[in-house]
PDB file of all heavy atoms in Angstrom:
ATOM      1  N   GLN A   1       0.829  -1.206   0.000  1.00  0.00           N
ATOM      2  CA  GLN A   1       0.000   0.000   0.000  1.00  0.00           C
ATOM      3  C   GLN A   1       0.864   1.257   0.000  1.00  0.00           C
ATOM      4  O   GLN A   1       0.500   2.259  -0.637  1.00  0.00           O
ATOM      5  CB  GLN A   1      -0.923   0.002   1.214  1.00  0.00           C
ATOM      6  CG  GLN A   1      -1.882   1.193   1.259  1.00  0.00           C
ATOM      7  CD  GLN A   1      -2.629   1.284   2.562  1.00  0.00           C
ATOM      8  OE1 GLN A   1      -2.039   1.220   3.642  1.00  0.00           O
ATOM      9  NE2 GLN A   1      -3.953   1.403   2.494  1.00  0.00           N
ATOM     10  N   SER A   2       1.982   1.217   0.688  1.00  0.00           N
ATOM     11  CA  SER A   2       2.859   2.389   0.732  1.00  0.00           C
ATOM     12  C   SER A   2       3.457   2.701  -0.634  1.00  0.00           C
ATOM     13  O   SER A   2       3.838   3.839  -0.910  1.00  0.00           O
ATOM     14  CB  SER A   2       3.986   2.175   1.752  1.00  0.00           C
ATOM     15  OG  SER A   2       4.965   1.260   1.275  1.00  0.00           O
ATOM     16  N   GLU A   3       3.521   1.694  -1.511  1.00  0.00           N
ATOM     17  CA  GLU A   3       4.050   1.889  -2.852  1.00  0.00           C
ATOM     18  C   GLU A   3       2.939   2.145  -3.864  1.00  0.00           C
ATOM     19  O   GLU A   3       3.096   2.967  -4.772  1.00  0.00           O
ATOM     20  CB  GLU A   3       4.861   0.661  -3.289  1.00  0.00           C
ATOM     21  CG  GLU A   3       6.069   0.382  -2.406  1.00  0.00           C
ATOM     22  CD  GLU A   3       6.871  -0.814  -2.916  1.00  0.00           C
ATOM     23  OE1 GLU A   3       6.562  -1.316  -4.017  1.00  0.00           O
ATOM     24  OE2 GLU A   3       7.809  -1.225  -2.218  1.00  0.00           O
ATOM     25  N   ASN A   4       1.850   1.408  -3.717  1.00  0.00           N
ATOM     26  CA  ASN A   4       0.753   1.515  -4.682  1.00  0.00           C
ATOM     27  C   ASN A   4      -0.547   1.073  -4.015  1.00  0.00           C
ATOM     28  O   ASN A   4      -0.826  -0.128  -3.930  1.00  0.00           O
ATOM     29  CB  ASN A   4       1.040   0.648  -5.908  1.00  0.00           C
ATOM     30  CG  ASN A   4       0.022   0.862  -7.018  1.00  0.00           C
ATOM     31  OD1 ASN A   4      -1.101   1.292  -6.762  1.00  0.00           O
ATOM     32  ND2 ASN A   4       0.406   0.565  -8.238  1.00  0.00           N
ATOM     33  N   PRO A   5      -1.349   2.015  -3.537  1.00  0.00           N
ATOM     34  CA  PRO A   5      -2.590   1.646  -2.827  1.00  0.00           C
ATOM     35  C   PRO A   5      -3.621   0.971  -3.708  1.00  0.00           C
ATOM     36  O   PRO A   5      -4.584   0.397  -3.204  1.00  0.00           O
ATOM     37  CB  PRO A   5      -3.098   2.992  -2.300  1.00  0.00           C
ATOM     38  CG  PRO A   5      -2.452   4.027  -3.158  1.00  0.00           C
ATOM     39  CD  PRO A   5      -1.130   3.471  -3.557  1.00  0.00           C
ATOM     40  N   LYS A   6      -3.456   1.028  -5.025  1.00  0.00           N
ATOM     41  CA  LYS A   6      -4.398   0.380  -5.930  1.00  0.00           C
ATOM     42  C   LYS A   6      -3.923  -0.997  -6.385  1.00  0.00           C
ATOM     43  O   LYS A   6      -4.528  -1.623  -7.256  1.00  0.00           O
ATOM     44  CB  LYS A   6      -4.643   1.262  -7.161  1.00  0.00           C
ATOM     45  CG  LYS A   6      -5.376   2.563  -6.853  1.00  0.00           C
ATOM     46  CD  LYS A   6      -5.695   3.313  -8.120  1.00  0.00           C
ATOM     47  CE  LYS A   6      -6.525   4.554  -7.817  1.00  0.00           C
ATOM     48  NZ  LYS A   6      -7.852   4.206  -7.279  1.00  0.00           N
ATOM     49  N   ALA A   7      -2.866  -1.490  -5.790  1.00  0.00           N
ATOM     50  CA  ALA A   7      -2.266  -2.748  -6.224  1.00  0.00           C
ATOM     51  C   ALA A   7      -3.149  -3.954  -5.903  1.00  0.00           C
ATOM     52  O   ALA A   7      -3.959  -3.943  -4.975  1.00  0.00           O
ATOM     53  CB  ALA A   7      -0.901  -2.928  -5.572  1.00  0.00           C
ATOM     54  N   VAL A   8      -2.966  -4.996  -6.694  1.00  0.00           N
ATOM     55  CA  VAL A   8      -3.534  -6.317  -6.437  1.00  0.00           C
ATOM     56  C   VAL A   8      -2.347  -7.251  -6.254  1.00  0.00           C
ATOM     57  O   VAL A   8      -1.375  -7.179  -7.017  1.00  0.00           O
ATOM     58  CB  VAL A   8      -4.409  -6.801  -7.612  1.00  0.00           C
ATOM     59  CG1 VAL A   8      -4.971  -8.184  -7.331  1.00  0.00           C
ATOM     60  CG2 VAL A   8      -5.525  -5.793  -7.882  1.00  0.00           C
ATOM     61  N   PHE A   9      -2.404  -8.102  -5.238  1.00  0.00           N
ATOM     62  CA  PHE A   9      -1.243  -8.973  -5.042  1.00  0.00           C
ATOM     63  C   PHE A   9      -1.639 -10.405  -4.694  1.00  0.00           C
ATOM     64  O   PHE A   9      -2.685 -10.656  -4.105  1.00  0.00           O
ATOM     65  CB  PHE A   9      -0.283  -8.399  -3.992  1.00  0.00           C
ATOM     66  CG  PHE A   9      -0.750  -8.421  -2.558  1.00  0.00           C
ATOM     67  CD1 PHE A   9      -0.304  -9.409  -1.675  1.00  0.00           C
ATOM     68  CD2 PHE A   9      -1.595  -7.427  -2.067  1.00  0.00           C
ATOM     69  CE1 PHE A   9      -0.696  -9.410  -0.345  1.00  0.00           C
ATOM     70  CE2 PHE A   9      -1.990  -7.419  -0.743  1.00  0.00           C
ATOM     71  CZ  PHE A   9      -1.552  -8.422   0.129  1.00  0.00           C
ATOM     72  N   ALA A  10      -0.767 -11.318  -5.106  1.00  0.00           N
ATOM     73  CA  ALA A  10      -0.926 -12.734  -4.793  1.00  0.00           C
ATOM     74  C   ALA A  10      -0.016 -13.081  -3.635  1.00  0.00           C
ATOM     75  O   ALA A  10       1.077 -12.527  -3.487  1.00  0.00           O
ATOM     76  CB  ALA A  10      -0.571 -13.591  -6.001  1.00  0.00           C
ATOM     77  N   VAL A  11      -0.464 -14.004  -2.817  1.00  0.00           N
ATOM     78  CA  VAL A  11       0.349 -14.572  -1.741  1.00  0.00           C
ATOM     79  C   VAL A  11       0.565 -16.036  -2.079  1.00  0.00           C
ATOM     80  O   VAL A  11      -0.395 -16.805  -2.200  1.00  0.00           O
ATOM     81  CB  VAL A  11      -0.361 -14.435  -0.378  1.00  0.00           C
ATOM     82  CG1 VAL A  11       0.412 -15.163   0.704  1.00  0.00           C
ATOM     83  CG2 VAL A  11      -0.526 -12.962  -0.017  1.00  0.00           C
ATOM     84  N   LEU A  12       1.830 -16.420  -2.250  1.00  0.00           N
ATOM     85  CA  LEU A  12       2.158 -17.765  -2.707  1.00  0.00           C
ATOM     86  C   LEU A  12       3.190 -18.413  -1.789  1.00  0.00           C
ATOM     87  O   LEU A  12       4.100 -17.738  -1.309  1.00  0.00           O
ATOM     88  CB  LEU A  12       2.734 -17.714  -4.129  1.00  0.00           C
ATOM     89  CG  LEU A  12       1.904 -16.993  -5.195  1.00  0.00           C
ATOM     90  CD1 LEU A  12       2.674 -16.952  -6.500  1.00  0.00           C
ATOM     91  CD2 LEU A  12       0.561 -17.690  -5.390  1.00  0.00           C
ATOM     92  N   PRO A  13       3.085 -19.706  -1.554  1.00  0.00           N
ATOM     93  CA  PRO A  13       4.127 -20.415  -0.809  1.00  0.00           C
ATOM     94  C   PRO A  13       5.415 -20.494  -1.630  1.00  0.00           C
ATOM     95  O   PRO A  13       5.387 -20.432  -2.866  1.00  0.00           O
ATOM     96  CB  PRO A  13       3.532 -21.804  -0.582  1.00  0.00           C
ATOM     97  CG  PRO A  13       2.067 -21.647  -0.843  1.00  0.00           C
ATOM     98  CD  PRO A  13       1.948 -20.577  -1.875  1.00  0.00           C
ATOM     99  N   SER A  14       6.524 -20.670  -0.950  1.00  0.00           N
ATOM    100  CA  SER A  14       7.827 -20.684  -1.618  1.00  0.00           C
ATOM    101  C   SER A  14       8.299 -22.076  -1.988  1.00  0.00           C
ATOM    102  O   SER A  14       9.333 -22.220  -2.655  1.00  0.00           O
ATOM    103  CB  SER A  14       8.878 -20.050  -0.705  1.00  0.00           C
ATOM    104  OG  SER A  14       8.989 -20.794   0.507  1.00  0.00           O
ATOM    105  N   ASP A  15       7.560 -23.117  -1.567  1.00  0.00           N
ATOM    106  CA  ASP A  15       8.136 -24.459  -1.623  1.00  0.00           C
ATOM    107  C   ASP A  15       7.209 -25.488  -2.263  1.00  0.00           C
ATOM    108  O   ASP A  15       7.260 -26.672  -1.923  1.00  0.00           O
ATOM    109  CB  ASP A  15       8.511 -24.918  -0.215  1.00  0.00           C
ATOM    110  CG  ASP A  15       7.361 -24.748   0.789  1.00  0.00           C
ATOM    111  OD1 ASP A  15       6.246 -24.376   0.355  1.00  0.00           O
ATOM    112  OD2 ASP A  15       7.584 -24.978   1.985  1.00  0.00           O
ATOM    113  N   HIS A  16       6.370 -25.037  -3.191  1.00  0.00           N
ATOM    114  CA  HIS A  16       5.461 -25.964  -3.869  1.00  0.00           C
ATOM    115  C   HIS A  16       5.971 -26.313  -5.257  1.00  0.00           C
ATOM    116  O   HIS A  16       6.753 -25.583  -5.849  1.00  0.00           O
ATOM    117  CB  HIS A  16       4.061 -25.368  -3.976  1.00  0.00           C
ATOM    118  CG  HIS A  16       3.365 -25.262  -2.663  1.00  0.00           C
ATOM    119  ND1 HIS A  16       2.046 -24.872  -2.546  1.00  0.00           N
ATOM    120  CD2 HIS A  16       3.791 -25.505  -1.398  1.00  0.00           C
ATOM    121  CE1 HIS A  16       1.699 -24.871  -1.264  1.00  0.00           C
ATOM    122  NE2 HIS A  16       2.738 -25.242  -0.564  1.00  0.00           N
ATOM    123  N   VAL A  17       5.489 -27.443  -5.760  1.00  0.00           N
ATOM    124  CA  VAL A  17       5.818 -27.884  -7.114  1.00  0.00           C
ATOM    125  C   VAL A  17       4.625 -27.639  -8.018  1.00  0.00           C
ATOM    126  O   VAL A  17       3.489 -27.957  -7.659  1.00  0.00           O
ATOM    127  CB  VAL A  17       6.186 -29.382  -7.125  1.00  0.00           C
ATOM    128  CG1 VAL A  17       6.256 -29.912  -8.549  1.00  0.00           C
ATOM    129  CG2 VAL A  17       7.519 -29.598  -6.432  1.00  0.00           C
ATOM    130  N   ILE A  18       4.866 -27.055  -9.178  1.00  0.00           N
ATOM    131  CA  ILE A  18       3.840 -26.822 -10.198  1.00  0.00           C
ATOM    132  C   ILE A  18       4.343 -27.432 -11.496  1.00  0.00           C
ATOM    133  O   ILE A  18       5.304 -26.932 -12.097  1.00  0.00           O
ATOM    134  CB  ILE A  18       3.560 -25.314 -10.400  1.00  0.00           C
ATOM    135  CG1 ILE A  18       3.243 -24.614  -9.077  1.00  0.00           C
ATOM    136  CG2 ILE A  18       2.453 -25.122 -11.423  1.00  0.00           C
ATOM    137  CD1 ILE A  18       1.941 -25.008  -8.446  1.00  0.00           C
ATOM    138  N   LEU A  19       3.717 -28.503 -11.957  1.00  0.00           N
ATOM    139  CA  LEU A  19       4.172 -29.159 -13.178  1.00  0.00           C
ATOM    140  C   LEU A  19       3.632 -28.492 -14.441  1.00  0.00           C
ATOM    141  O   LEU A  19       4.305 -28.465 -15.460  1.00  0.00           O
ATOM    142  CB  LEU A  19       3.751 -30.635 -13.167  1.00  0.00           C
ATOM    143  CG  LEU A  19       4.378 -31.511 -12.077  1.00  0.00           C
ATOM    144  CD1 LEU A  19       3.848 -32.937 -12.191  1.00  0.00           C
ATOM    145  CD2 LEU A  19       5.892 -31.503 -12.177  1.00  0.00           C
ATOM    146  N   LYS A  20       2.412 -27.951 -14.361  1.00  0.00           N
ATOM    147  CA  LYS A  20       1.769 -27.353 -15.541  1.00  0.00           C
ATOM    148  C   LYS A  20       1.838 -25.832 -15.410  1.00  0.00           C
ATOM    149  O   LYS A  20       0.888 -25.161 -15.010  1.00  0.00           O
ATOM    150  CB  LYS A  20       0.323 -27.829 -15.642  1.00  0.00           C
ATOM    151  CG  LYS A  20       0.187 -29.350 -15.723  1.00  0.00           C
ATOM    152  CD  LYS A  20      -1.270 -29.795 -15.734  1.00  0.00           C
ATOM    153  CE  LYS A  20      -1.399 -31.304 -15.765  1.00  0.00           C
ATOM    154  NZ  LYS A  20      -2.822 -31.750 -15.747  1.00  0.00           N
ATOM    155  N   GLU A  21       2.994 -25.280 -15.774  1.00  0.00           N
ATOM    156  CA  GLU A  21       3.235 -23.860 -15.507  1.00  0.00           C
ATOM    157  C   GLU A  21       2.368 -22.946 -16.362  1.00  0.00           C
ATOM    158  O   GLU A  21       1.954 -21.876 -15.903  1.00  0.00           O
ATOM    159  CB  GLU A  21       4.721 -23.531 -15.684  1.00  0.00           C
ATOM    160  CG  GLU A  21       5.601 -24.144 -14.606  1.00  0.00           C
ATOM    161  CD  GLU A  21       6.930 -23.446 -14.468  1.00  0.00           C
ATOM    162  OE1 GLU A  21       7.206 -22.507 -15.262  1.00  0.00           O
ATOM    163  OE2 GLU A  21       7.701 -23.810 -13.558  1.00  0.00           O
ATOM    164  N   GLU A  22       2.093 -23.318 -17.594  1.00  0.00           N
ATOM    165  CA  GLU A  22       1.245 -22.470 -18.441  1.00  0.00           C
ATOM    166  C   GLU A  22      -0.152 -22.362 -17.857  1.00  0.00           C
ATOM    167  O   GLU A  22      -0.747 -21.266 -17.815  1.00  0.00           O
ATOM    168  CB  GLU A  22       1.196 -23.021 -19.867  1.00  0.00           C
ATOM    169  CG  GLU A  22       2.487 -22.840 -20.648  1.00  0.00           C
ATOM    170  CD  GLU A  22       2.329 -23.246 -22.100  1.00  0.00           C
ATOM    171  OE1 GLU A  22       1.177 -23.478 -22.527  1.00  0.00           O
ATOM    172  OE2 GLU A  22       3.354 -23.331 -22.798  1.00  0.00           O
ATOM    173  N   ALA A  23      -0.703 -23.476 -17.398  1.00  0.00           N
ATOM    174  CA  ALA A  23      -2.029 -23.456 -16.775  1.00  0.00           C
ATOM    175  C   ALA A  23      -1.996 -22.644 -15.488  1.00  0.00           C
ATOM    176  O   ALA A  23      -2.934 -21.895 -15.180  1.00  0.00           O
ATOM    177  CB  ALA A  23      -2.500 -24.878 -16.483  1.00  0.00           C
ATOM    178  N   TYR A  24      -0.917 -22.779 -14.739  1.00  0.00           N
ATOM    179  CA  TYR A  24      -0.742 -22.036 -13.481  1.00  0.00           C
ATOM    180  C   TYR A  24      -0.740 -20.529 -13.731  1.00  0.00           C
ATOM    181  O   TYR A  24      -1.454 -19.764 -13.065  1.00  0.00           O
ATOM    182  CB  TYR A  24       0.559 -22.479 -12.831  1.00  0.00           C
ATOM    183  CG  TYR A  24       1.037 -21.650 -11.668  1.00  0.00           C
ATOM    184  CD1 TYR A  24       0.468 -21.799 -10.403  1.00  0.00           C
ATOM    185  CD2 TYR A  24       2.099 -20.756 -11.812  1.00  0.00           C
ATOM    186  CE1 TYR A  24       0.928 -21.063  -9.325  1.00  0.00           C
ATOM    187  CE2 TYR A  24       2.567 -20.025 -10.733  1.00  0.00           C
ATOM    188  CZ  TYR A  24       1.982 -20.180  -9.496  1.00  0.00           C
ATOM    189  OH  TYR A  24       2.439 -19.455  -8.436  1.00  0.00           O
ATOM    190  N   VAL A  25       0.031 -20.083 -14.711  1.00  0.00           N
ATOM    191  CA  VAL A  25       0.109 -18.661 -15.039  1.00  0.00           C
ATOM    192  C   VAL A  25      -1.262 -18.155 -15.490  1.00  0.00           C
ATOM    193  O   VAL A  25      -1.697 -17.066 -15.111  1.00  0.00           O
ATOM    194  CB  VAL A  25       1.174 -18.419 -16.130  1.00  0.00           C
ATOM    195  CG1 VAL A  25       1.087 -16.995 -16.666  1.00  0.00           C
ATOM    196  CG2 VAL A  25       2.569 -18.685 -15.577  1.00  0.00           C
ATOM    197  N   SER A  26      -1.967 -18.957 -16.281  1.00  0.00           N
ATOM    198  CA  SER A  26      -3.297 -18.565 -16.754  1.00  0.00           C
ATOM    199  C   SER A  26      -4.282 -18.431 -15.593  1.00  0.00           C
ATOM    200  O   SER A  26      -5.064 -17.470 -15.535  1.00  0.00           O
ATOM    201  CB  SER A  26      -3.809 -19.596 -17.765  1.00  0.00           C
ATOM    202  OG  SER A  26      -5.129 -19.316 -18.163  1.00  0.00           O
ATOM    203  N   LYS A  27      -4.267 -19.371 -14.665  1.00  0.00           N
ATOM    204  CA  LYS A  27      -5.185 -19.327 -13.519  1.00  0.00           C
ATOM    205  C   LYS A  27      -4.887 -18.138 -12.615  1.00  0.00           C
ATOM    206  O   LYS A  27      -5.808 -17.465 -12.131  1.00  0.00           O
ATOM    207  CB  LYS A  27      -5.095 -20.620 -12.720  1.00  0.00           C
ATOM    208  CG  LYS A  27      -5.594 -21.851 -13.449  1.00  0.00           C
ATOM    209  CD  LYS A  27      -7.096 -21.801 -13.696  1.00  0.00           C
ATOM    210  CE  LYS A  27      -7.606 -23.089 -14.308  1.00  0.00           C
ATOM    211  NZ  LYS A  27      -9.069 -23.067 -14.563  1.00  0.00           N
ATOM    212  N   LEU A  28      -3.618 -17.853 -12.384  1.00  0.00           N
ATOM    213  CA  LEU A  28      -3.283 -16.707 -11.542  1.00  0.00           C
ATOM    214  C   LEU A  28      -3.674 -15.400 -12.219  1.00  0.00           C
ATOM    215  O   LEU A  28      -4.157 -14.469 -11.568  1.00  0.00           O
ATOM    216  CB  LEU A  28      -1.786 -16.697 -11.216  1.00  0.00           C
ATOM    217  CG  LEU A  28      -1.360 -17.390  -9.931  1.00  0.00           C
ATOM    218  CD1 LEU A  28       0.141 -17.231  -9.709  1.00  0.00           C
ATOM    219  CD2 LEU A  28      -2.116 -16.853  -8.715  1.00  0.00           C
ATOM    220  N   ALA A  29      -3.474 -15.315 -13.528  1.00  0.00           N
ATOM    221  CA  ALA A  29      -3.894 -14.114 -14.257  1.00  0.00           C
ATOM    222  C   ALA A  29      -5.399 -13.917 -14.133  1.00  0.00           C
ATOM    223  O   ALA A  29      -5.886 -12.789 -13.949  1.00  0.00           O
ATOM    224  CB  ALA A  29      -3.476 -14.221 -15.725  1.00  0.00           C
ATOM    225  N   GLN A  30      -6.151 -15.007 -14.218  1.00  0.00           N
ATOM    226  CA  GLN A  30      -7.602 -14.935 -14.037  1.00  0.00           C
ATOM    227  C   GLN A  30      -7.951 -14.477 -12.626  1.00  0.00           C
ATOM    228  O   GLN A  30      -8.862 -13.665 -12.421  1.00  0.00           O
ATOM    229  CB  GLN A  30      -8.225 -16.306 -14.308  1.00  0.00           C
ATOM    230  CG  GLN A  30      -9.742 -16.338 -14.177  1.00  0.00           C
ATOM    231  CD  GLN A  30     -10.324 -17.727 -14.365  1.00  0.00           C
ATOM    232  OE1 GLN A  30      -9.579 -18.710 -14.513  1.00  0.00           O
ATOM    233  NE2 GLN A  30     -11.627 -17.836 -14.363  1.00  0.00           N
ATOM    234  N   ALA A  31      -7.205 -14.976 -11.642  1.00  0.00           N
ATOM    235  CA  ALA A  31      -7.455 -14.586 -10.255  1.00  0.00           C
ATOM    236  C   ALA A  31      -7.172 -13.108 -10.029  1.00  0.00           C
ATOM    237  O   ALA A  31      -7.926 -12.413  -9.326  1.00  0.00           O
ATOM    238  CB  ALA A  31      -6.593 -15.441  -9.319  1.00  0.00           C
ATOM    239  N   PHE A  32      -6.096 -12.601 -10.609  1.00  0.00           N
ATOM    240  CA  PHE A  32      -5.784 -11.170 -10.503  1.00  0.00           C
ATOM    241  C   PHE A  32      -6.935 -10.331 -11.054  1.00  0.00           C
ATOM    242  O   PHE A  32      -7.367  -9.361 -10.437  1.00  0.00           O
ATOM    243  CB  PHE A  32      -4.493 -10.847 -11.269  1.00  0.00           C
ATOM    244  CG  PHE A  32      -3.226 -11.041 -10.483  1.00  0.00           C
ATOM    245  CD1 PHE A  32      -2.285 -11.984 -10.868  1.00  0.00           C
ATOM    246  CD2 PHE A  32      -2.963 -10.264  -9.367  1.00  0.00           C
ATOM    247  CE1 PHE A  32      -1.108 -12.157 -10.155  1.00  0.00           C
ATOM    248  CE2 PHE A  32      -1.786 -10.419  -8.649  1.00  0.00           C
ATOM    249  CZ  PHE A  32      -0.858 -11.382  -9.042  1.00  0.00           C
ATOM    250  N   GLU A  33      -7.416 -10.707 -12.238  1.00  0.00           N
ATOM    251  CA  GLU A  33      -8.484  -9.941 -12.892  1.00  0.00           C
ATOM    252  C   GLU A  33      -9.767  -9.982 -12.065  1.00  0.00           C
ATOM    253  O   GLU A  33     -10.427  -8.953 -11.863  1.00  0.00           O
ATOM    254  CB  GLU A  33      -8.727 -10.496 -14.294  1.00  0.00           C
ATOM    255  CG  GLU A  33      -9.802  -9.745 -15.071  1.00  0.00           C
ATOM    256  CD  GLU A  33     -10.008 -10.307 -16.462  1.00  0.00           C
ATOM    257  OE1 GLU A  33      -9.247 -11.208 -16.876  1.00  0.00           O
ATOM    258  OE2 GLU A  33     -10.948  -9.842 -17.152  1.00  0.00           O
ATOM    259  N   PHE A  34     -10.131 -11.171 -11.573  1.00  0.00           N
ATOM    260  CA  PHE A  34     -11.366 -11.302 -10.806  1.00  0.00           C
ATOM    261  C   PHE A  34     -11.272 -10.555  -9.483  1.00  0.00           C
ATOM    262  O   PHE A  34     -12.221  -9.879  -9.067  1.00  0.00           O
ATOM    263  CB  PHE A  34     -11.664 -12.783 -10.553  1.00  0.00           C
ATOM    264  CG  PHE A  34     -13.047 -13.045 -10.013  1.00  0.00           C
ATOM    265  CD1 PHE A  34     -14.130 -13.166 -10.871  1.00  0.00           C
ATOM    266  CD2 PHE A  34     -13.269 -13.152  -8.648  1.00  0.00           C
ATOM    267  CE1 PHE A  34     -15.407 -13.402 -10.378  1.00  0.00           C
ATOM    268  CE2 PHE A  34     -14.540 -13.395  -8.145  1.00  0.00           C
ATOM    269  CZ  PHE A  34     -15.612 -13.518  -9.006  1.00  0.00           C
ATOM    270  N   ALA A  35     -10.136 -10.654  -8.811  1.00  0.00           N
ATOM    271  CA  ALA A  35      -9.957  -9.974  -7.525  1.00  0.00           C
ATOM    272  C   ALA A  35     -10.063  -8.466  -7.681  1.00  0.00           C
ATOM    273  O   ALA A  35     -10.663  -7.777  -6.842  1.00  0.00           O
ATOM    274  CB  ALA A  35      -8.600 -10.344  -6.922  1.00  0.00           C
TER     275      ALA A  35
END
């Protein structure tokens, strides 16, 4: 908020495995837009 009060942000764990990265990027992009 101190940098950009209009920002949207994701909170992600640092230690997970994602095998289908293209699908992952698409789902997160959808989540950003919906949020």
